[in-house]
Amino acid sequence: MSTTTYAVSGMTCSHCVSAVTDEIGKLGGVTDVSIDLVPNGQSQVTVTSEAPLPEIDVRDAVDEAGYELVGTPG
């Protein structure tokens, strides 16, 4: 199992959380998506998967949901 936390900007509400969760959840091997929402700030998105995911795939999924992956915090 692999767990990685990403910083995502632009999220403001539970609808945003659902959109990002749904898009990342479509990636192969993802078993869990947990989001610590920080409205109008950088929300922490923790993704658990069977194997490490390419960051570009996560970035594309977040983009598809309408938000911006700003990196992987510390």
C-alpha atoms as a PDB file:
ATOM      1  CA  MET A   1       0.000   0.000   0.000  1.00  0.00           C
ATOM      2  CA  SER A   2       1.066   3.562  -0.690  1.00  0.00           C
ATOM      3  CA  THR A   3      -0.259   6.744   0.939  1.00  0.00           C
ATOM      4  CA  THR A   4       0.557  10.209  -0.422  1.00  0.00           C
ATOM      5  CA  THR A   5      -0.777  13.608   0.608  1.00  0.00           C
ATOM      6  CA  TYR A   6      -1.229  16.354  -1.974  1.00  0.00           C
ATOM      7  CA  ALA A   7      -2.064  20.051  -1.624  1.00  0.00           C
ATOM      8  CA  VAL A   8      -5.002  21.183  -3.750  1.00  0.00           C
ATOM      9  CA  SER A   9      -6.186  24.772  -4.164  1.00  0.00           C
ATOM     10  CA  GLY A  10      -9.574  26.143  -5.175  1.00  0.00           C
ATOM     11  CA  MET A  11     -11.797  23.892  -3.079  1.00  0.00           C
ATOM     12  CA  THR A  12     -14.447  25.670  -0.977  1.00  0.00           C
ATOM     13  CA  CYS A  13     -17.210  23.221  -0.019  1.00  0.00           C
ATOM     14  CA  SER A  14     -18.411  19.631   0.273  1.00  0.00           C
ATOM     15  CA  HIS A  15     -19.293  19.594  -3.449  1.00  0.00           C
ATOM     16  CA  CYS A  16     -15.626  20.324  -4.197  1.00  0.00           C
ATOM     17  CA  VAL A  17     -14.596  17.463  -1.914  1.00  0.00           C
ATOM     18  CA  SER A  18     -16.983  15.096  -3.730  1.00  0.00           C
ATOM     19  CA  ALA A  19     -15.741  16.146  -7.168  1.00  0.00           C
ATOM     20  CA  VAL A  20     -12.075  15.622  -6.299  1.00  0.00           C
ATOM     21  CA  THR A  21     -12.790  12.364  -4.446  1.00  0.00           C
ATOM     22  CA  ASP A  22     -14.736  10.992  -7.426  1.00  0.00           C
ATOM     23  CA  GLU A  23     -12.081  11.879 -10.015  1.00  0.00           C
ATOM     24  CA  ILE A  24      -9.115  10.565  -7.999  1.00  0.00           C
ATOM     25  CA  GLY A  25     -11.141   7.485  -7.049  1.00  0.00           C
ATOM     26  CA  LYS A  26     -11.363   6.574 -10.759  1.00  0.00           C
ATOM     27  CA  LEU A  27      -7.578   6.088 -10.936  1.00  0.00           C
ATOM     28  CA  GLY A  28      -6.488   2.476 -11.025  1.00  0.00           C
ATOM     29  CA  GLY A  29      -5.454   1.036  -7.673  1.00  0.00           C
ATOM     30  CA  VAL A  30      -6.904   3.834  -5.506  1.00  0.00           C
ATOM     31  CA  THR A  31      -8.445   2.379  -2.353  1.00  0.00           C
ATOM     32  CA  ASP A  32      -9.196   5.555  -0.362  1.00  0.00           C
ATOM     33  CA  VAL A  33      -9.303   9.340  -0.749  1.00  0.00           C
ATOM     34  CA  SER A  34      -9.472  11.535   2.351  1.00  0.00           C
ATOM     35  CA  ILE A  35      -9.693  15.331   2.180  1.00  0.00           C
ATOM     36  CA  ASP A  36      -9.046  17.910   4.897  1.00  0.00           C
ATOM     37  CA  LEU A  37     -10.933  20.859   3.391  1.00  0.00           C
ATOM     38  CA  VAL A  38      -9.417  24.319   3.842  1.00  0.00           C
ATOM     39  CA  PRO A  39     -11.904  26.655   2.091  1.00  0.00           C
ATOM     40  CA  ASN A  40     -10.082  29.073  -0.240  1.00  0.00           C
ATOM     41  CA  GLY A  41      -6.740  27.680   0.941  1.00  0.00           C
ATOM     42  CA  GLN A  42      -4.698  24.555   0.305  1.00  0.00           C
ATOM     43  CA  SER A  43      -6.727  21.473   1.149  1.00  0.00           C
ATOM     44  CA  GLN A  44      -4.832  18.316   2.046  1.00  0.00           C
ATOM     45  CA  VAL A  45      -5.834  15.355  -0.125  1.00  0.00           C
ATOM     46  CA  THR A  46      -4.568  11.999   1.126  1.00  0.00           C
ATOM     47  CA  VAL A  47      -4.662   9.187  -1.415  1.00  0.00           C
ATOM     48  CA  THR A  48      -4.162   5.541  -0.504  1.00  0.00           C
ATOM     49  CA  SER A  49      -3.459   3.181  -3.371  1.00  0.00           C
ATOM     50  CA  GLU A  50      -2.150  -0.296  -4.013  1.00  0.00           C
ATOM     51  CA  ALA A  51       1.048   1.169  -5.497  1.00  0.00           C
ATOM     52  CA  PRO A  52       2.473   4.696  -5.815  1.00  0.00           C
ATOM     53  CA  LEU A  53       0.587   6.765  -8.394  1.00  0.00           C
ATOM     54  CA  PRO A  54       2.309   8.923 -11.003  1.00  0.00           C
ATOM     55  CA  GLU A  55       1.803  12.542  -9.891  1.00  0.00           C
ATOM     56  CA  ILE A  56       0.720  13.502 -13.420  1.00  0.00           C
ATOM     57  CA  ASP A  57      -2.245  11.111 -13.135  1.00  0.00           C
ATOM     58  CA  VAL A  58      -3.325  12.681  -9.840  1.00  0.00           C
ATOM     59  CA  ARG A  59      -2.786  16.178 -11.295  1.00  0.00           C
ATOM     60  CA  ASP A  60      -4.954  15.308 -14.316  1.00  0.00           C
ATOM     61  CA  ALA A  61      -7.733  13.930 -12.078  1.00  0.00           C
ATOM     62  CA  VAL A  62      -7.711  17.073  -9.904  1.00  0.00           C
ATOM     63  CA  ASP A  63      -7.726  19.205 -13.088  1.00  0.00           C
ATOM     64  CA  GLU A  64     -10.701  17.255 -14.420  1.00  0.00           C
ATOM     65  CA  ALA A  65     -12.575  18.063 -11.191  1.00  0.00           C
ATOM     66  CA  GLY A  66     -11.811  21.757 -11.754  1.00  0.00           C
ATOM     67  CA  TYR A  67      -9.125  22.370  -9.142  1.00  0.00           C
ATOM     68  CA  GLU A  68      -5.354  22.725  -9.024  1.00  0.00           C
ATOM     69  CA  LEU A  69      -2.790  20.350  -7.572  1.00  0.00           C
ATOM     70  CA  VAL A  70      -0.152  22.637  -6.074  1.00  0.00           C
ATOM     71  CA  GLY A  71       2.231  19.940  -4.885  1.00  0.00           C
ATOM     72  CA  THR A  72       2.991  17.395  -2.253  1.00  0.00           C
ATOM     73  CA  PRO A  73       3.505  19.048   1.129  1.00  0.00           C
ATOM     74  CA  GLY A  74       6.633  18.224   3.125  1.00  0.00           C
END
